[in-house]
Protein backbone atom coordinates (compact mmCIF):
# COMPACT_ATOMS: atom_id res chain seq x y z
CA UNK A 1 119.24 96.90 87.13
CA UNK A 2 119.89 94.28 84.47
CA UNK A 3 120.65 95.26 80.85
CA UNK A 4 119.76 93.15 77.80
CA UNK A 5 120.77 94.02 74.25
CA UNK A 6 119.03 92.91 71.08
CA UNK A 7 121.68 94.14 68.67
CA UNK A 8 119.96 93.26 65.37
CA UNK A 9 116.88 95.26 66.41
CA UNK A 10 118.85 98.15 67.95
CA UNK A 11 117.19 97.69 71.35
CA UNK A 12 118.63 97.98 74.85
CA UNK A 13 116.28 96.84 77.62
CA UNK A 14 117.09 98.14 81.09
CA UNK A 15 115.21 95.85 83.47
CA UNK A 16 114.14 97.53 86.70
CA UNK A 17 115.73 100.86 85.70
CA UNK A 18 113.13 102.68 87.78
CA UNK A 19 112.54 101.51 91.35
CA UNK A 20 108.98 100.20 92.04
CA UNK A 21 107.71 103.07 94.22
CA UNK A 22 109.02 105.75 91.86
CA UNK A 23 107.63 103.84 88.88
CA UNK A 24 104.15 103.76 90.49
CA UNK A 25 104.34 107.49 91.32
CA UNK A 26 105.51 108.27 87.77
CA UNK A 27 102.56 106.31 86.33
CA UNK A 28 100.09 108.09 88.63
CA UNK A 29 101.42 111.54 87.71
CA UNK A 30 101.46 110.80 83.95
CA UNK A 31 97.92 109.45 84.21
CA UNK A 32 96.81 112.57 86.10
CA UNK A 33 98.43 114.81 83.47
CA UNK A 34 96.74 112.81 80.69
CA UNK A 35 93.29 112.97 82.31
CA UNK A 36 93.56 116.75 82.85
CA UNK A 37 95.09 117.59 79.47
CA UNK A 38 92.98 119.91 77.31
CA UNK A 39 94.93 119.52 74.05
CA UNK A 40 94.71 117.01 71.22
CA UNK A 41 94.70 113.30 72.01
CA UNK A 42 94.88 110.84 69.12
CA UNK A 43 93.50 107.32 68.99
CA UNK A 44 95.00 104.45 66.97
CA UNK A 45 94.58 100.71 66.82
CA UNK A 46 96.49 97.91 65.16
CA UNK A 47 95.00 95.37 62.77
CA UNK A 48 92.88 92.93 64.82
CA UNK A 49 93.34 95.00 68.01
CA UNK A 50 90.25 94.86 70.26
CA UNK A 51 91.02 98.27 71.80
CA UNK A 52 92.64 101.58 71.01
CA UNK A 53 95.81 103.33 72.11
CA UNK A 54 95.21 106.94 73.21
CA UNK A 55 98.23 109.21 72.73
CA UNK A 56 99.03 112.70 74.00
CA UNK A 57 102.07 114.36 72.41
CA UNK A 58 104.19 117.22 73.79
CA UNK A 59 107.00 119.17 72.12
CA UNK A 60 109.03 119.13 75.36
CA UNK A 61 108.84 118.07 79.02
CA UNK A 62 109.14 121.50 80.65
CA UNK A 63 105.41 121.49 81.47
CA UNK A 64 105.84 118.69 84.02
CA UNK A 65 108.24 120.77 86.08
CA UNK A 66 106.04 123.87 85.84
CA UNK A 67 103.00 121.91 87.06
CA UNK A 68 104.87 120.23 89.94
CA UNK A 69 104.93 116.63 88.69
CA UNK A 70 107.96 115.75 90.81
CA UNK A 71 108.10 112.01 90.07
CA UNK A 72 107.94 112.61 86.33
CA UNK A 73 110.76 115.16 86.55
CA UNK A 74 112.81 112.79 88.73
CA UNK A 75 112.50 109.90 86.25
CA UNK A 76 113.32 112.11 83.27
CA UNK A 77 116.40 113.43 85.09
CA UNK A 78 117.44 109.92 86.17
CA UNK A 79 117.29 108.76 82.54
CA UNK A 80 119.00 111.98 81.36
CA UNK A 81 116.17 112.87 78.98
CA UNK A 82 116.63 116.42 77.65
CA UNK A 83 113.79 118.80 78.53
CA UNK A 84 113.44 119.92 74.92
CA UNK A 85 112.97 116.41 73.52
CA UNK A 86 109.47 115.49 72.30
CA UNK A 87 107.43 113.29 74.63
CA UNK A 88 104.30 111.15 74.37
CA UNK A 89 102.04 109.50 76.93
CA UNK A 90 100.19 106.40 75.71
CA UNK A 91 97.18 104.88 77.45
CA UNK A 92 96.75 101.36 76.15
CA UNK A 93 93.29 99.89 76.66
CA UNK A 94 93.08 96.23 77.78
CA UNK A 95 94.55 93.79 75.21
CA UNK A 96 95.17 96.61 72.72
CA UNK A 97 98.17 97.10 70.49
CA UNK A 98 99.49 99.51 67.91
CA UNK A 99 100.08 98.92 64.23
CA UNK A 100 103.64 97.87 63.43
CA UNK A 101 105.50 101.08 62.64
CA UNK A 102 109.04 102.47 62.28
CA UNK A 103 110.19 105.68 63.97
CA UNK A 104 111.75 107.44 61.01
CA UNK A 105 112.51 111.12 61.52
CA UNK A 106 112.55 110.96 65.32
CA UNK A 107 115.48 111.98 67.52
CA UNK A 108 117.31 108.83 68.63
CA UNK A 109 117.55 107.07 70.88
CA UNK A 110 113.87 106.76 71.65
CA UNK A 111 113.40 106.10 75.35
CA UNK A 112 110.31 104.07 76.16
CA UNK A 113 109.37 103.97 79.84
CA UNK A 114 107.12 101.19 81.18
CA UNK A 115 105.89 102.18 84.64
CA UNK A 116 102.99 99.68 84.65
CA UNK A 117 102.84 95.93 84.13
CA UNK A 118 101.60 93.38 81.62
CA UNK A 119 103.21 95.05 78.64
CA UNK A 120 105.21 93.91 75.68
CA UNK A 121 107.08 95.30 72.72
CA UNK A 122 106.67 93.29 69.53
CA UNK A 123 109.25 93.90 66.81
CA UNK A 124 109.90 92.66 63.30
CA UNK A 125 113.50 92.40 62.09
CA UNK A 126 113.05 91.50 58.42
CA UNK A 127 112.18 93.64 55.43
CA UNK A 128 108.72 94.96 56.25
CA UNK A 129 106.20 94.04 53.55
CA UNK A 130 102.89 93.95 55.38
CA UNK A 131 101.21 94.25 58.76
CA UNK A 132 99.95 90.67 58.41
CA UNK A 133 103.47 89.30 57.87
CA UNK A 134 104.74 91.21 60.91
CA UNK A 135 101.84 89.91 63.02
CA UNK A 136 102.70 86.33 62.04
CA UNK A 137 106.51 86.60 62.33
CA UNK A 138 107.41 89.09 65.07
CA UNK A 139 109.51 88.67 68.20
CA UNK A 140 108.39 89.87 71.63
CA UNK A 141 110.05 91.49 74.62
CA UNK A 142 107.95 91.07 77.78
CA UNK A 143 108.02 94.13 80.04
CA UNK A 144 107.55 94.72 83.76
CA UNK A 145 106.97 97.92 85.77
CA UNK A 146 110.15 100.01 85.86
CA UNK A 147 111.61 98.62 82.63
CA UNK A 148 113.02 101.09 80.11
CA UNK A 149 113.82 100.47 76.45
CA UNK A 150 116.27 102.50 74.41
CA UNK A 151 115.66 102.16 70.68
CA UNK A 152 118.59 103.07 68.42
CA UNK A 153 117.37 101.99 64.94
CA UNK A 154 114.56 104.07 63.43
CA UNK A 155 113.61 101.59 60.70
CA UNK A 156 112.75 98.56 62.89
CA UNK A 157 108.99 98.00 62.76
CA UNK A 158 107.52 97.53 66.22
CA UNK A 159 104.37 97.96 68.29
CA UNK A 160 103.43 98.39 71.93
CA UNK A 161 101.09 95.75 73.34
CA UNK A 162 98.97 95.66 76.53
CA UNK A 163 98.57 92.01 77.53
CA UNK A 164 96.53 92.86 80.62
CA UNK A 165 92.89 93.34 81.60
CA UNK A 166 93.40 96.93 82.78
CA UNK A 167 94.50 100.12 81.03
CA UNK A 168 98.28 100.40 80.84
CA UNK A 169 100.48 103.48 80.56
CA UNK A 170 103.75 103.97 78.67
CA UNK A 171 105.72 107.07 77.79
CA UNK A 172 108.11 107.74 74.92
CA UNK A 173 110.81 110.37 74.63
CA UNK A 174 111.76 111.06 71.03
C-alpha cells in the first residue's frame, strides 16, 4: 500500500489498501445488497452530468454482518470502521458525477472506498462561490480498484466522478 497526502484538502489516499480479490468481492456484495434493498434510494446528478448517482444510505453497518456479507464485513474491519457509523453505497452511472458538495455535519474522517475502477475524486480548495467555478478550477485524484480515501476536512467541496463506460460502485462511511 502506498499513502499520498493532500494536506490543503485534508485528504489521505491509500493506494491499493484493499487487495484486488477482496476488492472485487466487496464490490459484488455491495452491489448485491444495493439491488436487493427495499428501502429509499436517492438519485442526484451534477451540473452537466450525463447520468445520475444512485445512493442508498444506512444508519450503521450491522446489517451486512446479519445478512452474511463476509467480504463487506472483512473490509470494514480491516479499515477499522465502527459498526455504528453511517454508511452509503453509491452506484455511479457511466460518465456521471455528483454536484460539488461539502460534508458538513458528518462524523470525520469520512472513509471512501473505491472497489471498482475508472473513478476520480474532484475537489476544489478555494472559497466556494459556484458550481461553475468549481467545475472550471478543480483538482482531480484518479482512483483505482482497492484505493481508499480518508477525508478529514468537512468544508472542502468535492464530487465523485465515474470516468468509465460501465456503472461504478463506491461506498462512504461517515
